[in-house]
């Protein structure tokens, strides 16, 4: 006699309920893997060119970036993990040439501590045309970035050449 096994009704109902979630989960994993490949190809800081346009930074930080500054900078997106990238995972790194007035104002407004600044591959201070630097950081300016603008990172002031290096992100 042929004995067919019956699948309990509850198992069928559970499969029907959870199947869309499993499909969505696997789709998200595949999407993130593809995004990671695109991210690494697009955002390689070592091969990307420096930008010299100031307007995108000026809109975000009008106090620190005005039209009288010469600038070399790079930007990109971080991979945000499980979710697709959004507007909240952007990084910025670059060098701003300050005029004497802005330089003096920054020196006076913040307490600066001398530091040894090590640059990551792809961010080379020689782009500024100078050979030696004396970098300083300020805890106060770091707090301003974090609490007023919701950015992580810092501005670093070179007191020899009147250059401001920025390294911050929105994540």
N, C-alpha and C. Protein backbone atom coordinates (compact mmCIF):
# COMPACT_ATOMS: atom_id res chain seq x y z
N UNK A 1 0.83 -1.17 0.00
CA UNK A 1 0.00 0.00 0.00
C UNK A 1 0.88 1.25 0.00
N UNK A 2 0.55 2.25 -0.80
CA UNK A 2 1.30 3.48 -0.93
C UNK A 2 0.91 4.43 0.19
N UNK A 3 1.87 4.69 1.04
CA UNK A 3 1.60 5.60 2.15
C UNK A 3 2.25 6.94 1.85
N UNK A 4 1.50 7.89 1.48
CA UNK A 4 2.01 9.24 1.22
C UNK A 4 2.05 10.01 2.53
N UNK A 5 3.11 10.73 2.73
CA UNK A 5 3.22 11.55 3.94
C UNK A 5 2.48 12.85 3.70
N UNK A 6 1.73 13.24 4.65
CA UNK A 6 1.04 14.51 4.58
C UNK A 6 1.85 15.55 5.32
N UNK A 7 2.01 16.70 4.68
CA UNK A 7 2.71 17.81 5.33
C UNK A 7 1.68 18.55 6.17
N UNK A 8 2.00 18.74 7.42
CA UNK A 8 1.05 19.44 8.28
C UNK A 8 0.74 20.83 7.75
N UNK A 9 -0.45 21.22 7.91
CA UNK A 9 -0.94 22.51 7.43
C UNK A 9 -0.13 23.66 8.02
N UNK A 10 0.29 23.54 9.27
CA UNK A 10 1.04 24.60 9.93
C UNK A 10 2.37 24.86 9.22
N UNK A 11 3.05 23.82 8.74
CA UNK A 11 4.32 23.97 8.04
C UNK A 11 4.11 24.74 6.74
N UNK A 12 3.06 24.43 6.03
CA UNK A 12 2.76 25.13 4.77
C UNK A 12 2.49 26.60 5.04
N UNK A 13 1.74 26.87 6.08
CA UNK A 13 1.42 28.27 6.42
C UNK A 13 2.70 29.02 6.81
N UNK A 14 3.57 28.39 7.62
CA UNK A 14 4.81 29.03 8.02
C UNK A 14 5.72 29.31 6.82
N UNK A 15 5.80 28.36 5.91
CA UNK A 15 6.61 28.56 4.71
C UNK A 15 6.06 29.72 3.88
N UNK A 16 4.76 29.79 3.77
CA UNK A 16 4.13 30.87 3.00
C UNK A 16 4.40 32.23 3.65
N UNK A 17 4.43 32.24 4.96
CA UNK A 17 4.67 33.51 5.67
C UNK A 17 6.13 33.93 5.57
N UNK A 18 7.08 33.01 5.77
CA UNK A 18 8.49 33.37 5.85
C UNK A 18 9.21 33.36 4.50
N UNK A 19 8.67 32.77 3.48
CA UNK A 19 9.34 32.72 2.17
C UNK A 19 9.66 34.11 1.64
N UNK A 20 8.73 35.07 1.67
CA UNK A 20 9.08 36.40 1.16
C UNK A 20 10.23 37.06 1.93
N UNK A 21 10.28 36.84 3.25
CA UNK A 21 11.36 37.41 4.04
C UNK A 21 12.70 36.78 3.69
N UNK A 22 12.71 35.47 3.48
CA UNK A 22 13.95 34.80 3.09
C UNK A 22 14.43 35.27 1.72
N UNK A 23 13.51 35.42 0.80
CA UNK A 23 13.86 35.90 -0.53
C UNK A 23 14.41 37.33 -0.44
N UNK A 24 13.76 38.17 0.37
CA UNK A 24 14.22 39.55 0.54
C UNK A 24 15.61 39.57 1.18
N UNK A 25 15.84 38.73 2.18
CA UNK A 25 17.13 38.66 2.86
C UNK A 25 18.24 38.27 1.88
N UNK A 26 18.01 37.22 1.10
CA UNK A 26 19.03 36.79 0.14
C UNK A 26 19.26 37.85 -0.93
N UNK A 27 18.20 38.53 -1.34
CA UNK A 27 18.34 39.61 -2.31
C UNK A 27 19.19 40.74 -1.76
N UNK A 28 19.00 41.07 -0.48
CA UNK A 28 19.77 42.12 0.15
C UNK A 28 21.24 41.72 0.25
N UNK A 29 21.52 40.46 0.56
CA UNK A 29 22.90 40.00 0.62
C UNK A 29 23.58 40.12 -0.75
N UNK A 30 22.88 39.73 -1.79
CA UNK A 30 23.43 39.82 -3.14
C UNK A 30 23.65 41.29 -3.51
N UNK A 31 22.65 42.14 -3.19
CA UNK A 31 22.77 43.57 -3.49
C UNK A 31 23.99 44.16 -2.79
N UNK A 32 24.19 43.84 -1.52
CA UNK A 32 25.32 44.39 -0.77
C UNK A 32 26.65 43.90 -1.32
N UNK A 33 26.71 42.67 -1.76
CA UNK A 33 27.94 42.15 -2.35
C UNK A 33 28.25 42.91 -3.64
N UNK A 34 27.25 43.17 -4.44
CA UNK A 34 27.45 43.92 -5.68
C UNK A 34 27.85 45.36 -5.37
N UNK A 35 27.21 45.95 -4.36
CA UNK A 35 27.55 47.31 -3.97
C UNK A 35 28.99 47.40 -3.48
N UNK A 36 29.43 46.41 -2.73
CA UNK A 36 30.80 46.40 -2.22
C UNK A 36 31.79 46.40 -3.37
N UNK A 37 31.51 45.65 -4.41
CA UNK A 37 32.39 45.61 -5.57
C UNK A 37 32.42 46.98 -6.24
N UNK A 38 31.23 47.60 -6.44
CA UNK A 38 31.17 48.93 -7.05
C UNK A 38 31.86 49.96 -6.16
N UNK A 39 31.65 49.88 -4.83
CA UNK A 39 32.24 50.83 -3.89
C UNK A 39 33.75 50.81 -3.99
N UNK A 40 34.33 49.63 -3.98
CA UNK A 40 35.78 49.53 -4.02
C UNK A 40 36.34 50.04 -5.33
N UNK A 41 35.61 49.86 -6.41
CA UNK A 41 36.08 50.33 -7.71
C UNK A 41 35.99 51.85 -7.81
N UNK A 42 34.96 52.45 -7.23
CA UNK A 42 34.71 53.88 -7.37
C UNK A 42 35.49 54.69 -6.34
N UNK A 43 35.64 54.20 -5.12
CA UNK A 43 36.17 55.00 -4.03
C UNK A 43 37.58 54.64 -3.62
N UNK A 44 38.43 54.28 -4.53
CA UNK A 44 39.81 53.99 -4.18
C UNK A 44 40.55 55.31 -4.03
N UNK A 45 40.78 55.73 -2.80
CA UNK A 45 41.37 57.04 -2.51
C UNK A 45 42.77 57.18 -3.09
N UNK A 46 43.47 56.05 -3.26
CA UNK A 46 44.84 56.11 -3.77
C UNK A 46 44.87 56.49 -5.25
N UNK A 47 43.84 56.16 -6.00
CA UNK A 47 43.85 56.44 -7.44
C UNK A 47 42.95 57.61 -7.82
N UNK A 48 42.11 58.07 -6.92
CA UNK A 48 41.21 59.16 -7.28
C UNK A 48 41.95 60.49 -7.33
N UNK A 49 41.51 61.35 -8.23
CA UNK A 49 42.12 62.66 -8.42
C UNK A 49 41.65 63.62 -7.34
N UNK A 50 42.48 64.61 -7.05
CA UNK A 50 42.07 65.69 -6.14
C UNK A 50 41.07 66.59 -6.85
N UNK A 51 40.10 67.05 -6.09
CA UNK A 51 39.16 68.04 -6.59
C UNK A 51 39.65 69.42 -6.16
N UNK A 52 39.25 70.45 -6.90
CA UNK A 52 39.61 71.82 -6.55
C UNK A 52 38.38 72.72 -6.44
N UNK A 53 37.20 72.18 -6.66
CA UNK A 53 35.98 72.98 -6.53
C UNK A 53 35.61 73.09 -5.05
N UNK A 54 35.21 74.26 -4.63
CA UNK A 54 34.96 74.49 -3.21
C UNK A 54 33.47 74.52 -2.86
N UNK A 55 32.60 74.66 -3.85
CA UNK A 55 31.18 74.86 -3.59
C UNK A 55 30.53 73.76 -2.75
N UNK A 56 30.77 72.47 -3.02
CA UNK A 56 30.12 71.43 -2.19
C UNK A 56 30.49 71.53 -0.71
N UNK A 57 31.73 71.88 -0.42
CA UNK A 57 32.15 72.03 0.97
C UNK A 57 31.65 73.34 1.56
N UNK A 58 31.58 74.34 0.74
CA UNK A 58 31.12 75.65 1.19
C UNK A 58 29.66 75.59 1.66
N UNK A 59 28.84 74.80 0.96
CA UNK A 59 27.43 74.65 1.37
C UNK A 59 27.32 73.99 2.74
N UNK A 60 28.19 73.04 3.04
CA UNK A 60 28.13 72.34 4.33
C UNK A 60 28.78 73.13 5.46
N UNK A 61 29.88 73.80 5.16
CA UNK A 61 30.65 74.50 6.19
C UNK A 61 31.02 75.90 5.72
N UNK A 62 30.08 76.82 5.66
CA UNK A 62 30.40 78.15 5.14
C UNK A 62 31.45 78.89 5.97
N UNK A 63 31.53 78.59 7.25
CA UNK A 63 32.48 79.28 8.10
C UNK A 63 33.93 78.90 7.76
N UNK A 64 34.15 77.63 7.42
CA UNK A 64 35.51 77.15 7.20
C UNK A 64 35.96 77.22 5.74
N UNK A 65 35.01 77.30 4.83
CA UNK A 65 35.35 77.28 3.41
C UNK A 65 34.76 78.52 2.74
N UNK A 66 35.61 79.46 2.35
CA UNK A 66 35.10 80.59 1.58
C UNK A 66 35.83 80.65 0.25
N UNK A 67 35.37 81.51 -0.63
CA UNK A 67 35.89 81.54 -2.00
C UNK A 67 37.34 81.96 -2.12
N UNK A 68 37.90 82.58 -1.11
CA UNK A 68 39.29 83.03 -1.21
C UNK A 68 40.29 81.89 -1.00
N UNK A 69 39.82 80.72 -0.64
CA UNK A 69 40.72 79.60 -0.36
C UNK A 69 41.01 78.79 -1.61
N UNK A 70 42.25 78.35 -1.70
CA UNK A 70 42.64 77.34 -2.69
C UNK A 70 42.50 76.00 -1.98
N UNK A 71 42.06 74.98 -2.69
CA UNK A 71 41.75 73.72 -2.00
C UNK A 71 42.07 72.52 -2.90
N UNK A 72 42.53 71.45 -2.26
CA UNK A 72 42.69 70.14 -2.90
C UNK A 72 41.98 69.15 -1.99
N UNK A 73 41.01 68.42 -2.52
CA UNK A 73 40.25 67.52 -1.65
C UNK A 73 39.71 66.31 -2.42
N UNK A 74 39.30 65.32 -1.63
CA UNK A 74 38.70 64.09 -2.18
C UNK A 74 37.48 63.75 -1.34
N UNK A 75 36.57 63.04 -1.94
CA UNK A 75 35.38 62.60 -1.23
C UNK A 75 34.93 61.25 -1.78
N UNK A 76 34.17 60.55 -0.99
CA UNK A 76 33.63 59.26 -1.41
C UNK A 76 32.59 58.78 -0.41
N UNK A 77 32.15 57.57 -0.62
CA UNK A 77 31.14 56.98 0.27
C UNK A 77 31.71 55.74 0.93
N UNK A 78 31.33 55.58 2.20
CA UNK A 78 31.64 54.34 2.91
C UNK A 78 30.54 53.34 2.63
N UNK A 79 30.90 52.07 2.64
CA UNK A 79 29.89 51.01 2.58
C UNK A 79 29.22 50.96 3.94
N UNK A 80 27.90 51.10 3.97
CA UNK A 80 27.20 51.25 5.24
C UNK A 80 26.78 49.93 5.88
N UNK A 81 27.21 48.80 5.37
CA UNK A 81 26.88 47.54 6.02
C UNK A 81 25.70 46.86 5.37
N UNK A 82 24.68 46.59 6.16
CA UNK A 82 23.55 45.80 5.71
C UNK A 82 22.67 46.57 4.74
N UNK A 83 22.50 47.85 4.95
CA UNK A 83 21.60 48.63 4.13
C UNK A 83 22.32 49.24 2.93
N UNK A 84 21.60 49.55 1.86
CA UNK A 84 22.22 50.23 0.73
C UNK A 84 22.76 51.58 1.17
N UNK A 85 23.73 52.14 0.44
CA UNK A 85 24.32 53.41 0.86
C UNK A 85 23.30 54.52 0.83
N UNK A 86 23.46 55.45 1.74
CA UNK A 86 22.57 56.60 1.81
C UNK A 86 23.38 57.88 1.85
N UNK A 87 22.71 58.97 2.11
CA UNK A 87 23.40 60.25 2.15
C UNK A 87 24.18 60.42 3.44
N UNK A 88 24.11 59.47 4.34
CA UNK A 88 24.76 59.63 5.63
C UNK A 88 26.08 58.88 5.73
N UNK A 89 26.68 58.50 4.63
CA UNK A 89 27.93 57.75 4.71
C UNK A 89 29.01 58.32 3.79
N UNK A 90 29.17 59.64 3.84
CA UNK A 90 30.12 60.35 2.99
C UNK A 90 31.37 60.73 3.79
N UNK A 91 32.55 60.64 3.16
CA UNK A 91 33.77 61.11 3.79
C UNK A 91 34.38 62.23 2.95
N UNK A 92 35.12 63.11 3.62
CA UNK A 92 35.80 64.24 3.00
C UNK A 92 37.20 64.33 3.58
N UNK A 93 38.19 64.55 2.70
CA UNK A 93 39.58 64.74 3.14
C UNK A 93 40.22 65.74 2.19
N UNK A 94 40.99 66.68 2.76
CA UNK A 94 41.64 67.62 1.86
C UNK A 94 42.43 68.69 2.56
N UNK A 95 43.03 69.56 1.74
CA UNK A 95 43.90 70.63 2.19
C UNK A 95 43.35 71.96 1.73
N UNK A 96 43.23 72.92 2.65
CA UNK A 96 42.74 74.26 2.34
C UNK A 96 43.87 75.25 2.60
N UNK A 97 44.14 76.12 1.65
CA UNK A 97 45.09 77.20 1.84
C UNK A 97 44.32 78.37 2.45
N UNK A 98 44.69 78.77 3.64
CA UNK A 98 43.99 79.86 4.33
C UNK A 98 44.64 81.20 4.01
N UNK A 99 43.81 82.24 3.97
CA UNK A 99 44.38 83.58 3.89
C UNK A 99 44.79 83.98 5.31
N UNK A 100 45.58 85.04 5.44
CA UNK A 100 46.14 85.42 6.74
C UNK A 100 45.05 85.74 7.76
N UNK A 101 43.98 86.38 7.33
CA UNK A 101 42.89 86.75 8.25
C UNK A 101 42.21 85.51 8.82
N UNK A 102 41.86 84.56 7.96
CA UNK A 102 41.20 83.32 8.42
C UNK A 102 42.14 82.48 9.28
N UNK A 103 43.41 82.45 8.89
CA UNK A 103 44.40 81.71 9.66
C UNK A 103 44.51 82.27 11.08
N UNK A 104 44.65 83.58 11.20
CA UNK A 104 44.75 84.21 12.52
C UNK A 104 43.49 83.99 13.35
N UNK A 105 42.32 84.07 12.70
CA UNK A 105 41.06 83.86 13.42
C UNK A 105 40.97 82.43 13.96
N UNK A 106 41.35 81.45 13.17
CA UNK A 106 41.32 80.05 13.63
C UNK A 106 42.33 79.83 14.76
N UNK A 107 43.51 80.41 14.64
CA UNK A 107 44.52 80.27 15.69
C UNK A 107 44.01 80.81 17.02
N UNK A 108 43.29 81.94 16.98
CA UNK A 108 42.81 82.57 18.20
C UNK A 108 41.55 81.91 18.76
N UNK A 109 40.68 81.43 17.88
CA UNK A 109 39.39 80.90 18.32
C UNK A 109 39.50 79.55 19.02
N UNK A 110 40.46 78.73 18.63
CA UNK A 110 40.58 77.38 19.16
C UNK A 110 41.94 77.18 19.84
N UNK A 111 41.96 76.31 20.84
CA UNK A 111 43.21 75.89 21.47
C UNK A 111 43.79 74.76 20.63
N UNK A 112 45.01 74.92 20.17
CA UNK A 112 45.63 73.94 19.28
C UNK A 112 46.75 73.19 20.00
N UNK A 113 46.79 71.88 19.77
CA UNK A 113 47.82 71.02 20.34
C UNK A 113 48.66 70.45 19.21
N UNK A 114 49.98 70.55 19.36
CA UNK A 114 50.89 70.02 18.34
C UNK A 114 50.75 68.50 18.29
N UNK A 115 50.65 67.93 17.09
CA UNK A 115 50.51 66.48 16.92
C UNK A 115 51.39 66.00 15.78
N UNK A 116 51.62 64.71 15.76
CA UNK A 116 52.27 64.04 14.63
C UNK A 116 51.16 63.47 13.77
N UNK A 117 50.91 64.05 12.62
CA UNK A 117 49.81 63.63 11.76
C UNK A 117 50.33 62.68 10.69
N UNK A 118 49.75 61.51 10.63
CA UNK A 118 50.13 60.50 9.63
C UNK A 118 48.99 60.40 8.63
N UNK A 119 49.31 60.58 7.36
CA UNK A 119 48.31 60.56 6.31
C UNK A 119 48.16 59.16 5.73
N UNK A 120 46.95 58.81 5.38
CA UNK A 120 46.72 57.52 4.74
C UNK A 120 47.16 57.59 3.29
N UNK A 121 47.37 56.43 2.69
CA UNK A 121 47.74 56.37 1.29
C UNK A 121 46.69 57.11 0.47
N UNK A 122 47.14 57.91 -0.46
CA UNK A 122 46.22 58.66 -1.31
C UNK A 122 46.03 60.10 -0.87
N UNK A 123 46.41 60.42 0.36
CA UNK A 123 46.35 61.80 0.84
C UNK A 123 47.78 62.26 1.11
N UNK A 124 48.31 63.03 0.18
CA UNK A 124 49.72 63.42 0.24
C UNK A 124 49.82 64.93 0.41
N UNK A 125 50.35 65.40 1.55
CA UNK A 125 50.44 66.84 1.76
C UNK A 125 51.37 67.56 0.78
N UNK A 126 52.19 66.83 0.04
CA UNK A 126 53.08 67.48 -0.92
C UNK A 126 52.28 68.12 -2.07
N UNK A 127 51.00 67.77 -2.21
CA UNK A 127 50.15 68.41 -3.22
C UNK A 127 50.09 69.92 -2.98
N UNK A 128 50.36 70.34 -1.74
CA UNK A 128 50.32 71.76 -1.38
C UNK A 128 51.54 72.53 -1.88
N UNK A 129 52.60 71.80 -2.24
CA UNK A 129 53.82 72.44 -2.69
C UNK A 129 54.82 72.71 -1.58
N UNK A 130 54.48 72.32 -0.36
CA UNK A 130 55.38 72.54 0.78
C UNK A 130 56.02 71.21 1.19
N UNK A 131 57.22 71.34 1.83
CA UNK A 131 57.96 70.15 2.26
C UNK A 131 57.80 69.84 3.73
N UNK A 132 57.69 70.86 4.56
CA UNK A 132 57.60 70.62 6.01
C UNK A 132 56.32 71.24 6.56
N UNK A 133 55.82 70.59 7.61
CA UNK A 133 54.55 71.00 8.20
C UNK A 133 54.64 70.90 9.72
N UNK A 134 53.82 71.65 10.40
CA UNK A 134 53.71 71.57 11.85
C UNK A 134 52.21 71.51 12.17
N UNK A 135 51.68 70.29 12.24
CA UNK A 135 50.24 70.09 12.38
C UNK A 135 49.79 70.20 13.83
N UNK A 136 48.60 70.75 14.00
CA UNK A 136 47.98 70.93 15.31
C UNK A 136 46.51 70.50 15.22
N UNK A 137 46.00 69.99 16.33
CA UNK A 137 44.57 69.63 16.37
C UNK A 137 43.91 70.37 17.52
N UNK A 138 42.59 70.43 17.47
CA UNK A 138 41.82 71.12 18.50
C UNK A 138 40.64 70.26 18.91
N UNK A 139 40.53 69.99 20.18
CA UNK A 139 39.39 69.22 20.67
C UNK A 139 38.09 70.02 20.51
N UNK A 140 38.17 71.32 20.67
CA UNK A 140 36.98 72.17 20.54
C UNK A 140 36.40 72.11 19.13
N UNK A 141 37.26 72.17 18.12
CA UNK A 141 36.76 72.13 16.74
C UNK A 141 36.19 70.74 16.42
N UNK A 142 36.76 69.71 17.02
CA UNK A 142 36.23 68.36 16.85
C UNK A 142 34.82 68.27 17.44
N UNK A 143 34.61 68.89 18.61
CA UNK A 143 33.28 68.90 19.23
C UNK A 143 32.28 69.69 18.38
N UNK A 144 32.73 70.79 17.79
CA UNK A 144 31.85 71.58 16.92
C UNK A 144 31.39 70.72 15.74
N UNK A 145 32.34 70.01 15.12
CA UNK A 145 31.98 69.13 14.00
C UNK A 145 30.94 68.10 14.43
N UNK A 146 31.16 67.51 15.59
CA UNK A 146 30.30 66.42 16.05
C UNK A 146 28.93 66.92 16.47
N UNK A 147 28.87 68.01 17.23
CA UNK A 147 27.60 68.43 17.83
C UNK A 147 26.80 69.41 16.98
N UNK A 148 27.46 70.25 16.20
CA UNK A 148 26.72 71.20 15.39
C UNK A 148 26.47 70.69 13.98
N UNK A 149 27.39 69.92 13.45
CA UNK A 149 27.26 69.44 12.08
C UNK A 149 27.01 67.94 11.98
N UNK A 150 27.16 67.20 13.08
CA UNK A 150 26.96 65.76 13.14
C UNK A 150 27.97 65.00 12.27
N UNK A 151 29.20 65.47 12.24
CA UNK A 151 30.28 64.82 11.51
C UNK A 151 31.29 64.27 12.51
N UNK A 152 31.97 63.20 12.11
CA UNK A 152 33.08 62.64 12.88
C UNK A 152 34.37 63.05 12.18
N UNK A 153 35.38 63.41 12.93
CA UNK A 153 36.65 63.77 12.32
C UNK A 153 37.22 65.02 12.94
N UNK A 154 38.08 65.69 12.16
CA UNK A 154 38.71 66.88 12.70
C UNK A 154 39.29 67.73 11.59
N UNK A 155 39.60 68.97 11.95
CA UNK A 155 40.41 69.86 11.14
C UNK A 155 41.78 69.92 11.81
N UNK A 156 42.83 69.97 11.00
CA UNK A 156 44.19 70.04 11.51
C UNK A 156 44.85 71.27 10.90
N UNK A 157 45.45 72.09 11.73
CA UNK A 157 46.03 73.34 11.29
C UNK A 157 47.55 73.21 11.19
N UNK A 158 48.09 73.56 10.02
CA UNK A 158 49.54 73.64 9.84
C UNK A 158 49.93 75.09 10.09
N UNK A 159 50.62 75.33 11.20
CA UNK A 159 50.95 76.70 11.59
C UNK A 159 52.14 77.28 10.83
N UNK A 160 52.83 76.47 10.05
CA UNK A 160 53.95 76.98 9.24
C UNK A 160 53.44 77.56 7.92
N UNK A 161 52.55 76.82 7.24
CA UNK A 161 52.16 77.17 5.88
C UNK A 161 50.73 77.71 5.75
N UNK A 162 50.04 77.90 6.86
CA UNK A 162 48.65 78.39 6.86
C UNK A 162 47.73 77.47 6.05
N UNK A 163 47.85 76.16 6.32
CA UNK A 163 47.03 75.16 5.64
C UNK A 163 46.16 74.46 6.67
N UNK A 164 44.93 74.22 6.30
CA UNK A 164 44.00 73.48 7.15
C UNK A 164 43.72 72.15 6.47
N UNK A 165 44.04 71.05 7.15
CA UNK A 165 43.73 69.72 6.61
C UNK A 165 42.46 69.24 7.27
N UNK A 166 41.51 68.73 6.49
CA UNK A 166 40.28 68.21 7.06
C UNK A 166 40.14 66.74 6.73
N UNK A 167 39.61 66.01 7.68
CA UNK A 167 39.40 64.56 7.56
C UNK A 167 38.17 64.24 8.39
N UNK A 168 37.02 64.15 7.74
CA UNK A 168 35.81 63.88 8.49
C UNK A 168 34.80 63.12 7.64
N UNK A 169 33.82 62.56 8.30
CA UNK A 169 32.79 61.79 7.62
C UNK A 169 31.46 61.98 8.33
N UNK A 170 30.41 61.57 7.65
CA UNK A 170 29.06 61.68 8.22
C UNK A 170 28.65 60.43 8.95
N UNK A 171 29.53 59.42 9.02
CA UNK A 171 29.16 58.18 9.72
C UNK A 171 29.73 58.15 11.10
